[in-house]
C-alpha atoms as a PDB file:
ATOM      1  CA  MET A   1      -5.764  -4.073  -6.174  1.00  0.00           C
ATOM      2  CA  ALA A   2      -9.011  -5.720  -6.381  1.00  0.00           C
ATOM      3  CA  GLN A   3     -11.529  -4.312  -4.132  1.00  0.00           C
ATOM      4  CA  THR A   4     -13.022  -7.736  -3.451  1.00  0.00           C
ATOM      5  CA  ASN A   5      -9.994  -8.886  -1.705  1.00  0.00           C
ATOM      6  CA  LEU A   6      -7.994  -5.970  -0.801  1.00  0.00           C
ATOM      7  CA  TYR A   7     -11.065  -4.670   1.204  1.00  0.00           C
ATOM      8  CA  GLU A   8     -11.522  -7.775   3.375  1.00  0.00           C
ATOM      9  CA  ASP A   9     -10.552  -7.549   6.848  1.00  0.00           C
ATOM     10  CA  HIS A  10      -9.531 -10.180   8.350  1.00  0.00           C
ATOM     11  CA  SER A  11      -8.592  -8.668  11.826  1.00  0.00           C
ATOM     12  CA  GLY A  12     -11.293  -9.502  13.594  1.00  0.00           C
ATOM     13  CA  VAL A  13     -12.508  -6.399  14.709  1.00  0.00           C
ATOM     14  CA  THR A  14     -15.284  -4.435  13.685  1.00  0.00           C
ATOM     15  CA  SER A  15     -15.260   0.292  13.297  1.00  0.00           C
ATOM     16  CA  GLY A  16     -18.597  -0.053  12.245  1.00  0.00           C
ATOM     17  CA  ASN A  17     -19.468   2.100  15.897  1.00  0.00           C
ATOM     18  CA  TYR A  18     -16.748   4.873  16.009  1.00  0.00           C
ATOM     19  CA  ASP A  19     -16.917   7.979  14.529  1.00  0.00           C
ATOM     20  CA  ASN A  20     -13.476   7.580  13.430  1.00  0.00           C
ATOM     21  CA  PRO A  21     -13.173   4.374  12.605  1.00  0.00           C
ATOM     22  CA  TYR A  22      -9.071   4.082  13.375  1.00  0.00           C
ATOM     23  CA  ASP A  23     -10.086   4.023  17.048  1.00  0.00           C
ATOM     24  CA  ALA A  24     -11.437   0.505  16.546  1.00  0.00           C
ATOM     25  CA  LEU A  25      -8.231  -1.128  16.001  1.00  0.00           C
ATOM     26  CA  ILE A  26      -6.950   0.752  19.523  1.00  0.00           C
ATOM     27  CA  GLU A  27      -9.459   0.492  21.529  1.00  0.00           C
ATOM     28  CA  ALA A  28      -9.325  -3.789  20.945  1.00  0.00           C
ATOM     29  CA  SER A  29      -5.643  -3.353  21.622  1.00  0.00           C
ATOM     30  CA  HIS A  30      -5.696  -1.328  24.656  1.00  0.00           C
ATOM     31  CA  ASN A  31      -3.952   1.031  23.242  1.00  0.00           C
ATOM     32  CA  ASP A  32      -0.796  -1.256  23.456  1.00  0.00           C
ATOM     33  CA  ALA A  33       1.608  -0.768  19.913  1.00  0.00           C
ATOM     34  CA  THR A  34       2.616  -4.989  20.456  1.00  0.00           C
ATOM     35  CA  LYS A  35      -0.659  -6.093  20.491  1.00  0.00           C
ATOM     36  CA  LEU A  36      -1.768  -3.451  17.880  1.00  0.00           C
ATOM     37  CA  GLN A  37       1.173  -4.902  15.574  1.00  0.00           C
ATOM     38  CA  ALA A  38      -0.132  -8.076  16.213  1.00  0.00           C
ATOM     39  CA  ILE A  39      -3.679  -7.479  14.884  1.00  0.00           C
ATOM     40  CA  TYR A  40      -1.373  -5.848  11.693  1.00  0.00           C
ATOM     41  CA  ASP A  41       0.337  -9.493  11.165  1.00  0.00           C
ATOM     42  CA  ARG A  42      -2.664 -11.114  11.819  1.00  0.00           C
ATOM     43  CA  HIS A  43      -4.694  -9.887   8.940  1.00  0.00           C
ATOM     44  CA  ARG A  44      -1.626  -9.574   6.746  1.00  0.00           C
ATOM     45  CA  ARG A  45      -0.590 -13.366   7.377  1.00  0.00           C
ATOM     46  CA  ALA A  46      -4.025 -14.285   6.852  1.00  0.00           C
ATOM     47  CA  ARG A  47      -4.868 -12.434   3.692  1.00  0.00           C
ATOM     48  CA  ILE A  48      -1.337 -13.921   2.299  1.00  0.00           C
ATOM     49  CA  GLU A  49      -2.569 -17.426   2.878  1.00  0.00           C
ATOM     50  CA  GLN A  50      -5.983 -16.856   1.715  1.00  0.00           C
ATOM     51  CA  GLN A  51      -4.251 -15.093  -2.001  1.00  0.00           C
ATOM     52  CA  LYS A  52      -1.868 -18.046  -1.909  1.00  0.00           C
ATOM     53  CA  GLY A  53      -5.020 -20.781  -2.245  1.00  0.00           C
ATOM     54  CA  LYS A  54      -6.924 -18.810  -4.107  1.00  0.00           C
ATOM     55  CA  LEU A  55      -3.824 -18.709  -6.957  1.00  0.00           C
ATOM     56  CA  LEU A  56      -2.821 -22.179  -6.513  1.00  0.00           C
ATOM     57  CA  ASP A  57      -6.422 -23.815  -6.725  1.00  0.00           C
ATOM     58  CA  PRO A  58      -6.808 -26.098  -9.629  1.00  0.00           C
ATOM     59  CA  SER A  59     -10.298 -24.442 -10.258  1.00  0.00           C
ATOM     60  CA  PHE A  60      -8.468 -20.850 -10.222  1.00  0.00           C
ATOM     61  CA  ALA A  61      -9.413 -18.647 -13.851  1.00  0.00           C
ATOM     62  CA  GLY A  62      -6.416 -16.884 -14.400  1.00  0.00           C
ATOM     63  CA  VAL A  63      -5.183 -13.080 -13.134  1.00  0.00           C
ATOM     64  CA  THR A  64      -7.763 -10.404 -12.803  1.00  0.00           C
ATOM     65  CA  PRO A  65      -5.938  -6.992 -15.140  1.00  0.00           C
ATOM     66  CA  ASP A  66      -6.115  -3.690 -14.441  1.00  0.00           C
ATOM     67  CA  SER A  67      -8.673  -2.827 -17.394  1.00  0.00           C
ATOM     68  CA  VAL A  68      -8.419   1.216 -16.929  1.00  0.00           C
ATOM     69  CA  LEU A  69      -4.608   0.404 -16.668  1.00  0.00           C
ATOM     70  CA  GLN A  70      -4.108  -1.713 -19.639  1.00  0.00           C
ATOM     71  CA  ARG A  71      -5.879   0.698 -21.962  1.00  0.00           C
ATOM     72  CA  LEU A  72      -3.446   3.179 -20.953  1.00  0.00           C
ATOM     73  CA  GLN A  73      -0.515   0.446 -21.708  1.00  0.00           C
ATOM     74  CA  TYR A  74      -1.909  -0.602 -25.199  1.00  0.00           C
ATOM     75  CA  PRO A  75      -3.609   2.322 -26.665  1.00  0.00           C
ATOM     76  CA  GLU A  76      -4.518   0.149 -29.580  1.00  0.00           C
ATOM     77  CA  ILE A  77      -7.022  -1.312 -27.746  1.00  0.00           C
ATOM     78  CA  GLU A  78      -8.949   1.569 -27.157  1.00  0.00           C
ATOM     79  CA  PRO A  79      -7.448   4.497 -28.720  1.00  0.00           C
ATOM     80  CA  GLY A  80      -8.321   7.876 -26.938  1.00  0.00           C
ATOM     81  CA  PHE A  81      -9.019   6.363 -23.156  1.00  0.00           C
ATOM     82  CA  ARG A  82      -8.453   8.200 -20.833  1.00  0.00           C
ATOM     83  CA  ASP A  83      -8.515   7.885 -16.920  1.00  0.00           C
ATOM     84  CA  THR A  84     -11.503  10.131 -15.648  1.00  0.00           C
ATOM     85  CA  ARG A  85     -11.625   8.898 -12.207  1.00  0.00           C
ATOM     86  CA  HIS A  86     -10.246  12.156  -9.927  1.00  0.00           C
ATOM     87  CA  CYS A  87      -9.504  11.115  -6.301  1.00  0.00           C
ATOM     88  CA  LEU A  88      -7.841  13.205  -3.418  1.00  0.00           C
ATOM     89  CA  VAL A  89      -5.623  11.635  -0.923  1.00  0.00           C
ATOM     90  CA  PHE A  90      -3.028  12.471   1.800  1.00  0.00           C
ATOM     91  CA  TRP A  91       0.167   9.966   0.798  1.00  0.00           C
ATOM     92  CA  ALA A  92       3.251   8.980   2.385  1.00  0.00           C
ATOM     93  CA  ARG A  93       6.029   9.094  -0.221  1.00  0.00           C
ATOM     94  CA  PRO A  94       8.456   6.054   0.167  1.00  0.00           C
ATOM     95  CA  PRO A  95      12.495   7.599   1.213  1.00  0.00           C
ATOM     96  CA  GLN A  96      15.260   6.699  -1.249  1.00  0.00           C
ATOM     97  CA  LYS A  97      16.172   3.673   0.572  1.00  0.00           C
ATOM     98  CA  LEU A  98      12.883   1.735   0.312  1.00  0.00           C
ATOM     99  CA  LYS A  99      12.623   3.238  -3.459  1.00  0.00           C
ATOM    100  CA  ASN A 100      15.933   1.124  -3.886  1.00  0.00           C
ATOM    101  CA  LEU A 101      14.583  -2.040  -1.823  1.00  0.00           C
ATOM    102  CA  ILE A 102      11.240  -2.011  -3.924  1.00  0.00           C
ATOM    103  CA  THR A 103      13.165  -1.457  -7.433  1.00  0.00           C
ATOM    104  CA  HIS A 104      15.340  -4.982  -6.465  1.00  0.00           C
ATOM    105  CA  ILE A 105      12.397  -7.002  -5.273  1.00  0.00           C
ATOM    106  CA  GLN A 106      10.567  -5.673  -8.486  1.00  0.00           C
ATOM    107  CA  GLN A 107      13.771  -7.295 -10.667  1.00  0.00           C
ATOM    108  CA  GLN A 108      13.425 -10.231  -8.890  1.00  0.00           C
ATOM    109  CA  LEU A 109       9.459 -10.225  -9.918  1.00  0.00           C
ATOM    110  CA  ARG A 110       9.938  -9.298 -13.488  1.00  0.00           C
ATOM    111  CA  ALA A 111      12.161 -12.312 -14.020  1.00  0.00           C
ATOM    112  CA  VAL A 112       9.045 -14.926 -13.377  1.00  0.00           C
ATOM    113  CA  LEU A 113       6.651 -12.013 -14.573  1.00  0.00           C
ATOM    114  CA  PRO A 114       8.087 -10.180 -17.377  1.00  0.00           C
ATOM    115  CA  ASN A 115       4.848  -8.512 -18.729  1.00  0.00           C
ATOM    116  CA  MET A 116       3.547  -7.169 -15.725  1.00  0.00           C
ATOM    117  CA  TRP A 117       3.297  -3.343 -15.218  1.00  0.00           C
ATOM    118  CA  PHE A 118       5.502  -2.224 -12.132  1.00  0.00           C
ATOM    119  CA  MET A 119       5.176   1.423 -10.038  1.00  0.00           C
ATOM    120  CA  PRO A 120       8.167   3.541 -10.840  1.00  0.00           C
ATOM    121  CA  ALA A 121       9.913   4.576  -8.163  1.00  0.00           C
ATOM    122  CA  GLU A 122       8.816   8.204  -8.464  1.00  0.00           C
ATOM    123  CA  ASN A 123       5.405   7.155  -8.012  1.00  0.00           C
ATOM    124  CA  LEU A 124       5.460   4.501  -5.471  1.00  0.00           C
ATOM    125  CA  HIS A 125       3.248   6.089  -2.516  1.00  0.00           C
ATOM    126  CA  LEU A 126       1.426   4.843   0.854  1.00  0.00           C
ATOM    127  CA  THR A 127      -1.806   6.282   1.307  1.00  0.00           C
ATOM    128  CA  CYS A 128      -2.395   7.054   4.942  1.00  0.00           C
ATOM    129  CA  LEU A 129      -5.968   8.321   4.214  1.00  0.00           C
ATOM    130  CA  GLU A 130      -8.050   8.181   0.846  1.00  0.00           C
ATOM    131  CA  VAL A 131     -10.296  11.546   1.111  1.00  0.00           C
ATOM    132  CA  THR A 132     -12.651   9.880  -1.928  1.00  0.00           C
ATOM    133  CA  PHE A 133     -12.466   8.720  -4.923  1.00  0.00           C
ATOM    134  CA  SER A 134     -13.583   8.254  -8.329  1.00  0.00           C
ATOM    135  CA  ARG A 135     -14.665  11.772  -8.455  1.00  0.00           C
ATOM    136  CA  THR A 136     -15.308  14.499 -11.224  1.00  0.00           C
ATOM    137  CA  ASN A 137     -12.274  17.122 -11.060  1.00  0.00           C
ATOM    138  CA  GLU A 138     -14.914  20.045 -10.405  1.00  0.00           C
ATOM    139  CA  GLU A 139     -16.307  17.450  -7.502  1.00  0.00           C
ATOM    140  CA  ILE A 140     -12.457  17.763  -6.161  1.00  0.00           C
ATOM    141  CA  GLY A 141     -11.930  20.843  -6.815  1.00  0.00           C
ATOM    142  CA  GLN A 142     -14.376  21.784  -4.536  1.00  0.00           C
ATOM    143  CA  LEU A 143     -12.856  19.775  -1.504  1.00  0.00           C
ATOM    144  CA  VAL A 144      -9.445  20.528  -1.325  1.00  0.00           C
ATOM    145  CA  LYS A 145     -11.128  24.482  -1.221  1.00  0.00           C
ATOM    146  CA  GLN A 146     -12.737  23.030   1.548  1.00  0.00           C
ATOM    147  CA  ILE A 147      -9.605  21.472   3.452  1.00  0.00           C
ATOM    148  CA  SER A 148      -6.739  23.507   2.035  1.00  0.00           C
ATOM    149  CA  PRO A 149      -7.080  25.701   5.361  1.00  0.00           C
ATOM    150  CA  LYS A 150      -5.587  22.639   7.186  1.00  0.00           C
ATOM    151  CA  ALA A 151      -3.251  21.441   4.406  1.00  0.00           C
ATOM    152  CA  VAL A 152      -0.285  22.486   5.710  1.00  0.00           C
ATOM    153  CA  GLU A 153      -0.891  21.475   9.305  1.00  0.00           C
ATOM    154  CA  ILE A 154      -2.058  17.895   7.753  1.00  0.00           C
ATOM    155  CA  THR A 155       0.771  17.706   5.168  1.00  0.00           C
ATOM    156  CA  ASP A 156       3.687  18.755   8.280  1.00  0.00           C
ATOM    157  CA  TYR A 157       2.008  16.313  10.863  1.00  0.00           C
ATOM    158  CA  THR A 158       4.502  13.401  10.011  1.00  0.00           C
ATOM    159  CA  TYR A 159       7.536  16.179  11.281  1.00  0.00           C
ATOM    160  CA  THR A 160       6.380  15.686  15.030  1.00  0.00           C
ATOM    161  CA  HIS A 161       4.422  12.888  14.808  1.00  0.00           C
ATOM    162  CA  GLN A 162       6.923  10.037  13.383  1.00  0.00           C
ATOM    163  CA  ALA A 163       5.386   6.810  13.371  1.00  0.00           C
ATOM    164  CA  ARG A 164       7.940   3.759  12.871  1.00  0.00           C
ATOM    165  CA  LEU A 165       7.026   0.953  10.283  1.00  0.00           C
ATOM    166  CA  ILE A 166       8.851  -2.323   9.982  1.00  0.00           C
ATOM    167  CA  LYS A 167       8.683  -5.911   9.239  1.00  0.00           C
ATOM    168  CA  PRO A 168       8.485  -6.042   5.293  1.00  0.00           C
ATOM    169  CA  MET A 169       7.129  -8.799   3.383  1.00  0.00           C
ATOM    170  CA  LEU A 170       4.929  -8.843   0.015  1.00  0.00           C
ATOM    171  CA  GLY A 171       1.562  -9.533  -0.444  1.00  0.00           C
ATOM    172  CA  PHE A 172      -0.321 -10.526  -3.648  1.00  0.00           C
ATOM    173  CA  ASP A 173      -3.833 -10.929  -5.142  1.00  0.00           C
ATOM    174  CA  ALA A 174      -4.586 -12.312  -8.387  1.00  0.00           C
ATOM    175  CA  SER A 175      -4.224  -8.402  -9.665  1.00  0.00           C
ATOM    176  CA  ALA A 176      -1.179  -7.204  -8.079  1.00  0.00           C
ATOM    177  CA  PHE A 177       1.633  -6.834  -5.552  1.00  0.00           C
ATOM    178  CA  ALA A 178       2.280  -4.987  -2.976  1.00  0.00           C
ATOM    179  CA  LEU A 179       4.556  -4.099  -0.321  1.00  0.00           C
ATOM    180  CA  SER A 180       3.767  -4.264   3.426  1.00  0.00           C
ATOM    181  CA  PHE A 181       5.022  -3.305   6.745  1.00  0.00           C
ATOM    182  CA  LEU A 182       4.267  -3.506  10.468  1.00  0.00           C
ATOM    183  CA  PRO A 183       3.876  -0.803  12.921  1.00  0.00           C
ATOM    184  CA  ALA A 184       6.594  -0.929  14.718  1.00  0.00           C
ATOM    185  CA  ALA A 185       6.589  -2.292  18.904  1.00  0.00           C
ATOM    186  CA  GLY A 186      10.275  -1.588  20.309  1.00  0.00           C
ATOM    187  CA  GLU A 187      12.347  -4.195  18.107  1.00  0.00           C
ATOM    188  CA  GLY A 188      15.240  -2.996  16.202  1.00  0.00           C
ATOM    189  CA  LEU A 189      15.875   0.612  17.876  1.00  0.00           C
ATOM    190  CA  SER A 190      18.136   2.517  16.718  1.00  0.00           C
ATOM    191  CA  GLN A 191      19.955   6.620  15.692  1.00  0.00           C
ATOM    192  CA  GLY A 192      18.702   7.271  19.595  1.00  0.00           C
ATOM    193  CA  ARG A 193      14.896   6.528  18.923  1.00  0.00           C
ATOM    194  CA  LYS A 194      13.634   4.747  22.297  1.00  0.00           C
ATOM    195  CA  LYS A 195      10.544   2.682  22.944  1.00  0.00           C
ATOM    196  CA  ALA A 196       8.371   4.582  23.854  1.00  0.00           C
ATOM    197  CA  GLU A 197       8.044   6.887  20.581  1.00  0.00           C
ATOM    198  CA  ASP A 198       7.040   3.466  19.280  1.00  0.00           C
ATOM    199  CA  GLU A 199       3.569   3.954  21.165  1.00  0.00           C
ATOM    200  CA  TYR A 200       2.476   6.527  18.792  1.00  0.00           C
ATOM    201  CA  THR A 201       2.156   3.992  15.619  1.00  0.00           C
ATOM    202  CA  TYR A 202       1.278   4.290  12.094  1.00  0.00           C
ATOM    203  CA  HIS A 203      -2.451   3.403  13.007  1.00  0.00           C
ATOM    204  CA  HIS A 204      -2.561   6.456  15.438  1.00  0.00           C
ATOM    205  CA  LEU A 205      -1.098   8.408  12.197  1.00  0.00           C
ATOM    206  CA  ARG A 206      -4.179   7.351  10.110  1.00  0.00           C
ATOM    207  CA  ARG A 207      -6.307   7.979  13.271  1.00  0.00           C
ATOM    208  CA  ASP A 208      -4.915  11.716  13.441  1.00  0.00           C
ATOM    209  CA  VAL A 209      -4.992  12.476   9.917  1.00  0.00           C
ATOM    210  CA  TYR A 210      -8.498  11.249   9.744  1.00  0.00           C
ATOM    211  CA  THR A 211      -9.722  13.441  12.212  1.00  0.00           C
ATOM    212  CA  LEU A 212      -7.900  16.250  11.161  1.00  0.00           C
ATOM    213  CA  VAL A 213      -9.511  16.102   7.229  1.00  0.00           C
ATOM    214  CA  LYS A 214     -13.036  15.396   9.377  1.00  0.00           C
ATOM    215  CA  ASP A 215     -12.582  18.616  11.275  1.00  0.00           C
ATOM    216  CA  THR A 216     -12.824  20.875   8.174  1.00  0.00           C
ATOM    217  CA  GLY A 217     -16.392  19.414   7.270  1.00  0.00           C
ATOM    218  CA  VAL A 218     -15.412  17.239   4.643  1.00  0.00           C
ATOM    219  CA  ASP A 219     -17.631  13.995   4.406  1.00  0.00           C
ATOM    220  CA  ILE A 220     -14.394  11.275   3.988  1.00  0.00           C
ATOM    221  CA  GLY A 221     -15.208   8.734   1.466  1.00  0.00           C
ATOM    222  CA  SER A 222     -12.624   5.994   1.989  1.00  0.00           C
ATOM    223  CA  ARG A 223     -13.068   2.430   0.510  1.00  0.00           C
ATOM    224  CA  TYR A 224     -11.220   0.798   3.319  1.00  0.00           C
ATOM    225  CA  THR A 225      -9.682   1.197   6.855  1.00  0.00           C
ATOM    226  CA  VAL A 226      -8.614  -2.531   7.279  1.00  0.00           C
ATOM    227  CA  PRO A 227      -4.912  -2.392   8.842  1.00  0.00           C
ATOM    228  CA  SER A 228      -2.634  -2.755   6.472  1.00  0.00           C
ATOM    229  CA  SER A 229       0.149   0.128   5.428  1.00  0.00           C
ATOM    230  CA  HIS A 230       1.403  -1.183   1.804  1.00  0.00           C
ATOM    231  CA  LEU A 231       2.391   0.384  -1.314  1.00  0.00           C
ATOM    232  CA  THR A 232       1.323  -1.484  -4.026  1.00  0.00           C
ATOM    233  CA  ILE A 233       4.369  -2.085  -6.382  1.00  0.00           C
ATOM    234  CA  GLY A 234       3.308  -3.809  -9.504  1.00  0.00           C
ATOM    235  CA  ARG A 235      -0.215  -4.452 -11.339  1.00  0.00           C
ATOM    236  CA  PHE A 236      -1.207  -6.845 -13.938  1.00  0.00           C
ATOM    237  CA  ILE A 237      -2.329  -5.345 -17.360  1.00  0.00           C
ATOM    238  CA  THR A 238      -1.793  -9.020 -19.159  1.00  0.00           C
ATOM    239  CA  PRO A 239      -2.615 -12.671 -18.189  1.00  0.00           C
ATOM    240  CA  GLN A 240       0.501 -14.015 -20.852  1.00  0.00           C
ATOM    241  CA  ASP A 241       2.935 -14.329 -18.304  1.00  0.00           C
ATOM    242  CA  THR A 242       0.760 -17.286 -16.376  1.00  0.00           C
ATOM    243  CA  SER A 243      -1.019 -18.427 -18.917  1.00  0.00           C
ATOM    244  CA  LYS A 244      -0.717 -21.690 -21.920  1.00  0.00           C
ATOM    245  CA  ASP A 245      -1.464 -19.750 -25.022  1.00  0.00           C
ATOM    246  CA  ALA A 246       0.726 -16.858 -23.707  1.00  0.00           C
ATOM    247  CA  GLU A 247       1.538 -16.170 -27.752  1.00  0.00           C
ATOM    248  CA  LYS A 248      -2.150 -14.367 -27.956  1.00  0.00           C
ATOM    249  CA  GLY A 249      -0.573 -11.992 -25.477  1.00  0.00           C
ATOM    250  CA  ILE A 250      -3.512  -9.605 -23.779  1.00  0.00           C
ATOM    251  CA  ASN A 251      -5.674 -12.375 -25.235  1.00  0.00           C
ATOM    252  CA  ALA A 252      -4.229 -15.056 -23.615  1.00  0.00           C
ATOM    253  CA  SER A 253      -7.595 -17.051 -21.741  1.00  0.00           C
ATOM    254  CA  ILE A 254      -6.107 -20.708 -20.481  1.00  0.00           C
ATOM    255  CA  PRO A 255      -4.889 -20.409 -16.979  1.00  0.00           C
ATOM    256  CA  ASP A 256      -1.610 -22.139 -16.768  1.00  0.00           C
ATOM    257  CA  PRO A 257      -0.838 -23.921 -13.128  1.00  0.00           C
ATOM    258  CA  GLU A 258       3.019 -24.310 -13.415  1.00  0.00           C
ATOM    259  CA  LYS A 259       3.664 -20.607 -14.365  1.00  0.00           C
ATOM    260  CA  MET A 260       1.505 -20.056 -11.329  1.00  0.00           C
ATOM    261  CA  GLU A 261       3.182 -22.027  -9.022  1.00  0.00           C
ATOM    262  CA  LYS A 262       6.699 -20.639 -10.363  1.00  0.00           C
ATOM    263  CA  VAL A 263       5.357 -17.295  -9.281  1.00  0.00           C
ATOM    264  CA  VAL A 264       4.290 -18.381  -5.638  1.00  0.00           C
ATOM    265  CA  GLU A 265       7.178 -20.000  -5.180  1.00  0.00           C
ATOM    266  CA  LYS A 266       9.307 -16.540  -5.998  1.00  0.00           C
ATOM    267  CA  ILE A 267       6.607 -14.885  -3.709  1.00  0.00           C
ATOM    268  CA  ASN A 268       7.775 -17.134  -0.836  1.00  0.00           C
ATOM    269  CA  ALA A 269      11.501 -16.919  -1.489  1.00  0.00           C
ATOM    270  CA  LEU A 270      11.354 -13.304  -1.374  1.00  0.00           C
ATOM    271  CA  ASN A 271       9.510 -13.572   1.256  1.00  0.00           C
ATOM    272  CA  GLU A 272      11.859 -15.795   3.505  1.00  0.00           C
ATOM    273  CA  TRP A 273      14.513 -13.432   2.256  1.00  0.00           C
ATOM    274  CA  LEU A 274      13.058  -9.946   3.559  1.00  0.00           C
ATOM    275  CA  GLN A 275      12.497 -12.036   6.584  1.00  0.00           C
ATOM    276  CA  GLU A 276      15.986 -12.746   6.957  1.00  0.00           C
ATOM    277  CA  VAL A 277      17.735  -9.775   5.299  1.00  0.00           C
ATOM    278  CA  TYR A 278      15.654  -6.866   6.679  1.00  0.00           C
ATOM    279  CA  TRP A 279      13.866  -7.860  10.285  1.00  0.00           C
ATOM    280  CA  PRO A 280      15.162  -6.859  13.516  1.00  0.00           C
ATOM    281  CA  ARG A 281      17.907  -8.822  14.470  1.00  0.00           C
ATOM    282  CA  ASP A 282      20.488  -9.077  16.763  1.00  0.00           C
ATOM    283  CA  ALA A 283      23.528  -6.724  14.824  1.00  0.00           C
ATOM    284  CA  SER A 284      24.343  -3.856  14.287  1.00  0.00           C
ATOM    285  CA  PRO A 285      22.409  -2.090  12.545  1.00  0.00           C
ATOM    286  CA  PRO A 286      19.840  -4.139  13.863  1.00  0.00           C
ATOM    287  CA  ILE A 287      17.279  -3.318  10.760  1.00  0.00           C
ATOM    288  CA  ARG A 288      19.470  -3.433   7.636  1.00  0.00           C
ATOM    289  CA  GLU A 289      19.163  -0.102   5.772  1.00  0.00           C
ATOM    290  CA  GLY A 290      15.007  -0.402   4.013  1.00  0.00           C
ATOM    291  CA  GLY A 291      13.827  -2.624   6.310  1.00  0.00           C
ATOM    292  CA  GLU A 292      12.298   0.383   8.418  1.00  0.00           C
ATOM    293  CA  TRP A 293      10.210   3.897   7.476  1.00  0.00           C
ATOM    294  CA  ILE A 294      10.074   6.297   9.742  1.00  0.00           C
ATOM    295  CA  VAL A 295       6.424   7.857   7.730  1.00  0.00           C
ATOM    296  CA  GLY A 296       8.006  11.242   7.164  1.00  0.00           C
ATOM    297  CA  GLU A 297      11.827  10.732   6.404  1.00  0.00           C
ATOM    298  CA  GLU A 298      12.891  12.818   3.749  1.00  0.00           C
ATOM    299  CA  LYS A 299       9.126  14.383   2.935  1.00  0.00           C
ATOM    300  CA  GLY A 300       5.926  14.718   4.754  1.00  0.00           C
ATOM    301  CA  LEU A 301       2.984  14.218   3.733  1.00  0.00           C
ATOM    302  CA  ASP A 302       1.437  14.570   0.348  1.00  0.00           C
ATOM    303  CA  PHE A 303      -1.890  16.325  -0.607  1.00  0.00           C
ATOM    304  CA  HIS A 304      -2.289  14.888  -4.220  1.00  0.00           C
ATOM    305  CA  GLN A 305      -5.582  15.054  -6.102  1.00  0.00           C
ATOM    306  CA  GLY A 306      -5.949  14.175  -9.968  1.00  0.00           C
ATOM    307  CA  THR A 307      -6.054  10.763 -11.915  1.00  0.00           C
ATOM    308  CA  LEU A 308      -3.615   9.090  -9.283  1.00  0.00           C
ATOM    309  CA  TRP A 309      -4.345   5.545  -9.342  1.00  0.00           C
ATOM    310  CA  TYR A 310      -1.069   4.516 -10.714  1.00  0.00           C
ATOM    311  CA  GLY A 311       1.054   7.204  -8.579  1.00  0.00           C
ATOM    312  CA  LYS A 312       0.213  10.445 -11.180  1.00  0.00           C
ATOM    313  CA  GLY A 313      -2.117  13.320 -10.141  1.00  0.00           C
ATOM    314  CA  GLU A 314      -1.320  16.792  -8.791  1.00  0.00           C
ATOM    315  CA  CYS A 315       0.612  18.014  -5.796  1.00  0.00           C
ATOM    316  CA  ILE A 316      -1.053  20.170  -3.793  1.00  0.00           C
ATOM    317  CA  ARG A 317       0.986  20.954  -1.338  1.00  0.00           C
ATOM    318  CA  LEU A 318       4.087  18.637   0.130  1.00  0.00           C
ATOM    319  CA  GLY A 319       4.582  18.772   3.840  1.00  0.00           C
ATOM    320  CA  LYS A 320       8.293  19.047   5.817  1.00  0.00           C
ATOM    321  CA  GLY A 321      10.474  16.074   5.550  1.00  0.00           C
ATOM    322  CA  PHE A 322      13.236  15.212   8.340  1.00  0.00           C
END
């Protein structure tokens, strides 16, 4: 998503005075899972309302296509173009049940945004830690060598530290869409899981992975530590679906407020559906399949390098799943 929006923190908590920036929210919430979830929820809702206001503003200048992805999808724009932004990350890969839910959401969005780029299911990921971004291949190689002695410990970490995510909701801005979750706090327990297990949240996992990587001596250059757990599911690569001059394709330039209103209506409908169907409820099971994710299900963390902005790149090591 666009950096100018995605990395804006709406939590009201600053992390500048902490060696590990994730400690800030844990301290602010008094290490209480319910309070920590509320901080994530406040950030998410504030951002959704902010972006909704921008997209529906009469002065909205139009969506912001991803210029790199646009050139990759439309090679005639710049023949021979290559993405040279090498990155190094630790990803969490979603289980099949979550991929199925995301595929359905993408199909619904395609009804109003037929020319949007949607993340293929096999590329979906949740960034647990971005070690660094936009470096050369050689620079990434040196960092990989430095971290590799602890790669097994880090990628297998979710096998014994199982953080649960719940309450999916669709987020968006002028450049992309993402499905986000909140750290669980004892709601909708099933399959023998105890409430006490939710005291170790996804935010604690992010903190621990940060510490494990930092202990290798690597300087972490992550762009954001905001309270968000999201998977990007689609990006704008052309403005035509929300433009009056759609016939111009990628060169469309006149925003159409009525088309954007239909997009926002679709988002609202999807979020109402997600909350009604996939959030914790008084039923059996308490959460429908796809509505929760214990990070590490099926696959451990993915130590990944390369030009991975859109879910590709090279897996260095995939951790053990459960």
